[in-house]
Amino acid sequence: MIFDPNEISFQETHKLMIGSIVPRPIAFVSTQSKDGKNNVAPFSYFNGVCSKPPTIMFAPARRGWDGQEKDTLINIRNTKEFVVNIVSEPFAEKMVLCSTDFDSDVDEFEMSGLTPIASQKVAPPRVGESKVSFECKLNQIVEIGDGTAGSGFVVIGTIVLFHIDEEVYEDGRINLEKLQALGRIAGNGYARTTDTFDIIRKIKPDK
C-alpha cells in the first residue's frame, strides 16, 4: 500500500507515523510560565542530538483541533529553560494524567500528585519521581509547517545538569532494568525497555 500525505488528512498521517515509529522515548517536560506557574507534560517525539554539548530535542505539535500552541512551548519560548524527566513505570499513570491539554492556570504537579523538586541551574522544577532528569537551556525553536493544526515545532535544548538516581547508576552506565523506562506506541499502548538483546557490531568490515 502507498499513501501520499498530500492526499490524506493529517490525522491519518499521524496514525501512520505513531504506528510505525515505535517505541518512542517519552520526554516528560517540566516548565514554568513567566508568572512562575508550573507545568509538566509528556511528549513522545523525543531524542538525543549530540553529546558535545549534550543536546536533546523534542517536538510539541500544535493542538489537533484548533492549531494553538501548547503551554510547554509558550513557557520555553518565554523563559528559555525546561527540564526533561525520563518516565519510569511506577509513575506512568500520573504521567498520563498530565497528557490532557489543561488550561494554562492548571498546575499538573498538583493535579497528578507528582512531586516538584527544585532544580539547580534552571527555574522549572524537575519531577521528584523521575530517576533521570536533564536540566536544559533552550538552544533554538524550529517551526515546522504552516501554523495550522497538525504542524508543530522542534525544540532543541542543551543539557546543563544531569540528575541520575544512584539506584540506577552502575559502573558508569544506566541500569535499564532498574530504570524501568517506558516507550510510547500508538493509541493507549506503551512498551517496556527490559526485553532486550545484543547484536555485536564490527569495528571494521571484513576484507
Protein backbone atom coordinates (compact mmCIF):
# COMPACT_ATOMS: atom_id res chain seq x y z
CA MET A 1 0.00 0.00 0.00
CA ILE A 2 1.14 3.53 -0.79
CA PHE A 3 -0.04 6.67 0.99
CA ASP A 4 0.59 10.18 -0.30
CA PRO A 5 0.45 12.64 2.65
CA ASN A 6 -0.88 15.27 0.25
CA GLU A 7 -3.96 13.12 -0.37
CA ILE A 8 -4.89 12.05 3.18
CA SER A 9 -5.73 14.01 6.33
CA PHE A 10 -3.07 14.90 8.87
CA GLN A 11 -4.93 12.69 11.37
CA GLU A 12 -4.42 9.68 9.06
CA THR A 13 -0.78 10.64 8.54
CA HIS A 14 -0.34 10.95 12.30
CA LYS A 15 -1.67 7.42 12.83
CA LEU A 16 0.72 6.01 10.22
CA MET A 17 3.66 7.73 11.89
CA ILE A 18 2.94 6.83 15.52
CA GLY A 19 2.10 3.26 14.50
CA SER A 20 5.42 2.88 12.67
CA ILE A 21 7.90 4.94 14.70
CA VAL A 22 7.94 2.67 17.74
CA PRO A 23 8.80 2.56 20.51
CA ARG A 24 9.30 6.28 21.08
CA PRO A 25 11.01 7.54 24.26
CA ILE A 26 8.93 9.90 26.35
CA ALA A 27 10.12 13.37 27.32
CA PHE A 28 8.20 14.41 30.42
CA VAL A 29 8.89 18.13 30.15
CA SER A 30 8.52 20.44 33.12
CA THR A 31 8.41 24.18 32.52
CA GLN A 32 7.47 27.34 34.32
CA SER A 33 5.46 30.25 32.94
CA LYS A 34 6.81 33.78 33.05
CA ASP A 35 4.47 34.25 36.03
CA GLY A 36 6.01 31.29 37.87
CA LYS A 37 3.25 28.73 37.27
CA ASN A 38 4.49 25.14 36.97
CA ASN A 39 3.59 22.90 34.05
CA VAL A 40 4.56 19.32 33.17
CA ALA A 41 3.51 17.37 30.06
CA PRO A 42 4.67 14.29 28.10
CA PHE A 43 5.94 14.32 24.51
CA SER A 44 6.87 11.19 22.55
CA TYR A 45 8.66 12.77 19.62
CA PHE A 46 11.88 12.99 21.61
CA ASN A 47 15.51 12.02 21.26
CA GLY A 48 19.14 12.98 21.70
CA VAL A 49 21.00 15.13 19.19
CA CYS A 50 24.67 15.02 20.22
CA SER A 51 26.92 14.72 23.27
CA LYS A 52 29.21 17.76 22.95
CA PRO A 53 27.49 19.85 24.01
CA PRO A 54 24.91 17.40 25.41
CA THR A 55 21.82 18.26 23.38
CA ILE A 56 18.30 16.89 23.16
CA MET A 57 15.25 17.64 21.06
CA PHE A 58 11.52 17.11 21.38
CA ALA A 59 8.64 18.14 19.16
CA PRO A 60 5.50 19.72 20.61
CA ALA A 61 2.84 19.67 17.91
CA ARG A 62 0.12 22.27 17.66
CA ARG A 63 -3.17 21.22 19.22
CA GLY A 64 -5.04 18.96 16.83
CA TRP A 65 -8.41 20.66 16.99
CA ASP A 66 -7.51 24.37 16.81
CA GLY A 67 -3.82 24.62 15.90
CA GLN A 68 -2.93 26.56 19.04
CA GLU A 69 0.49 26.32 20.67
CA LYS A 70 0.85 24.21 23.81
CA ASP A 71 1.72 25.72 27.19
CA THR A 72 5.04 23.88 27.27
CA LEU A 73 6.21 25.61 24.11
CA ILE A 74 4.96 29.03 25.22
CA ASN A 75 6.74 28.69 28.56
CA ILE A 76 10.04 27.65 26.95
CA ARG A 77 9.88 30.48 24.44
CA ASN A 78 9.33 32.96 27.29
CA THR A 79 11.85 31.62 29.83
CA LYS A 80 14.41 29.75 27.68
CA GLU A 81 14.51 26.91 30.25
CA PHE A 82 12.98 23.46 30.80
CA VAL A 83 13.62 20.06 32.37
CA VAL A 84 13.26 16.71 30.60
CA ASN A 85 12.30 13.94 33.01
CA ILE A 86 12.51 10.28 31.97
CA VAL A 87 9.32 8.33 32.65
CA SER A 88 9.55 5.12 34.69
CA GLU A 89 6.74 2.61 35.00
CA PRO A 90 5.94 3.23 38.71
CA PHE A 91 4.56 6.72 37.96
CA ALA A 92 3.28 6.09 34.44
CA GLU A 93 -0.37 6.62 35.33
CA LYS A 94 0.40 10.00 36.88
CA MET A 95 2.29 10.93 33.72
CA VAL A 96 -0.76 10.07 31.61
CA LEU A 97 -2.90 12.35 33.78
CA CYS A 98 -0.69 15.23 32.59
CA SER A 99 -1.20 14.47 28.89
CA THR A 100 -4.51 16.36 28.69
CA ASP A 101 -4.44 19.92 27.32
CA PHE A 102 -5.46 21.71 30.51
CA ASP A 103 -5.97 25.44 30.85
CA SER A 104 -2.72 27.32 31.39
CA ASP A 105 -3.58 28.07 35.03
CA VAL A 106 -3.65 24.36 35.96
CA ASP A 107 -0.56 23.05 37.79
CA GLU A 108 -0.15 19.47 36.58
CA PHE A 109 2.09 18.67 39.55
CA GLU A 110 -0.78 19.42 41.92
CA MET A 111 -3.38 17.77 39.70
CA SER A 112 -1.43 14.50 39.29
CA GLY A 113 0.16 14.27 42.73
CA LEU A 114 3.68 14.33 41.29
CA THR A 115 6.43 15.97 43.35
CA PRO A 116 8.13 19.17 42.15
CA ILE A 117 11.79 19.29 43.19
CA ALA A 118 13.82 22.48 42.84
CA SER A 119 16.34 22.44 40.00
CA GLN A 120 19.83 23.86 40.46
CA LYS A 121 20.58 25.70 37.22
CA VAL A 122 17.11 26.43 35.81
CA ALA A 123 13.88 27.73 37.30
CA PRO A 124 11.45 24.93 36.28
CA PRO A 125 11.27 22.11 38.84
CA ARG A 126 12.14 18.54 38.00
CA VAL A 127 9.83 15.60 38.70
CA GLY A 128 10.83 14.05 42.01
CA GLU A 129 9.62 10.60 40.97
CA SER A 130 11.87 10.55 37.89
CA LYS A 131 15.16 8.67 38.27
CA VAL A 132 16.79 10.60 35.42
CA SER A 133 16.25 14.30 34.70
CA PHE A 134 18.03 16.80 32.44
CA GLU A 135 18.07 20.49 33.29
CA CYS A 136 18.09 22.28 29.94
CA LYS A 137 18.65 25.71 28.43
CA LEU A 138 16.97 26.50 25.13
CA ASN A 139 19.19 26.27 22.06
CA GLN A 140 16.57 27.05 19.43
CA ILE A 141 12.98 26.50 18.37
CA VAL A 142 12.35 25.47 14.77
CA GLU A 143 8.82 25.89 13.44
CA ILE A 144 7.57 23.21 11.04
CA GLY A 145 4.52 23.56 8.81
CA ASP A 146 2.09 26.38 8.07
CA GLY A 147 0.81 27.08 11.58
CA THR A 148 -2.37 25.06 11.26
CA ALA A 149 -3.48 22.00 13.25
CA GLY A 150 -1.08 19.11 12.63
CA SER A 151 2.02 21.26 12.24
CA GLY A 152 4.43 21.92 15.07
CA PHE A 153 7.87 22.76 16.39
CA VAL A 154 11.22 21.20 17.16
CA VAL A 155 12.60 22.38 20.49
CA ILE A 156 16.36 21.90 20.84
CA GLY A 157 17.90 22.21 24.27
CA THR A 158 21.36 21.99 25.82
CA ILE A 159 21.63 19.86 28.94
CA VAL A 160 23.31 21.93 31.67
CA LEU A 161 22.91 19.43 34.51
CA PHE A 162 22.17 15.70 34.79
CA HIS A 163 20.26 14.24 37.73
CA ILE A 164 20.79 10.47 37.94
CA ASP A 165 19.41 8.45 40.86
CA GLU A 166 22.13 6.35 42.47
CA GLU A 167 19.77 3.38 42.33
CA VAL A 168 20.00 3.19 38.53
CA TYR A 169 23.66 4.19 38.06
CA GLU A 170 26.14 1.29 37.97
CA ASP A 171 29.74 1.29 36.71
CA GLY A 172 29.27 4.40 34.61
CA ARG A 173 26.07 3.18 32.96
CA ILE A 174 22.32 3.36 33.44
CA ASN A 175 20.79 0.05 34.57
CA LEU A 176 17.72 -0.26 32.34
CA GLU A 177 16.06 -2.91 34.48
CA LYS A 178 16.15 -0.59 37.47
CA LEU A 179 15.22 2.50 35.47
CA GLN A 180 12.04 0.81 34.13
CA ALA A 181 11.71 3.41 31.39
CA LEU A 182 8.68 3.33 29.12
CA GLY A 183 8.35 3.82 25.38
CA ARG A 184 5.28 5.14 23.60
CA ILE A 185 3.39 3.20 20.95
CA ALA A 186 0.09 4.11 19.27
CA GLY A 187 -3.25 4.60 20.98
CA ASN A 188 -3.04 3.73 24.66
CA GLY A 189 -0.03 1.46 24.16
CA TYR A 190 3.30 1.62 25.98
CA ALA A 191 6.39 -0.57 25.81
CA ARG A 192 8.89 -1.62 28.44
CA THR A 193 12.64 -1.45 27.76
CA THR A 194 13.53 -4.62 29.64
CA ASP A 195 13.12 -7.14 26.78
CA THR A 196 16.43 -6.51 25.03
CA PHE A 197 19.09 -8.43 23.10
CA ASP A 198 22.60 -7.73 21.81
CA ILE A 199 23.97 -7.68 18.27
CA ILE A 200 27.75 -7.29 18.17
CA ARG A 201 28.88 -4.50 15.86
CA LYS A 202 32.13 -4.95 13.97
CA ILE A 203 34.55 -2.05 14.10
CA LYS A 204 35.71 -2.56 10.52
CA PRO A 205 34.16 -4.63 7.72
CA ASP A 206 35.90 -7.85 6.75
CA LYS A 207 38.12 -7.58 3.69
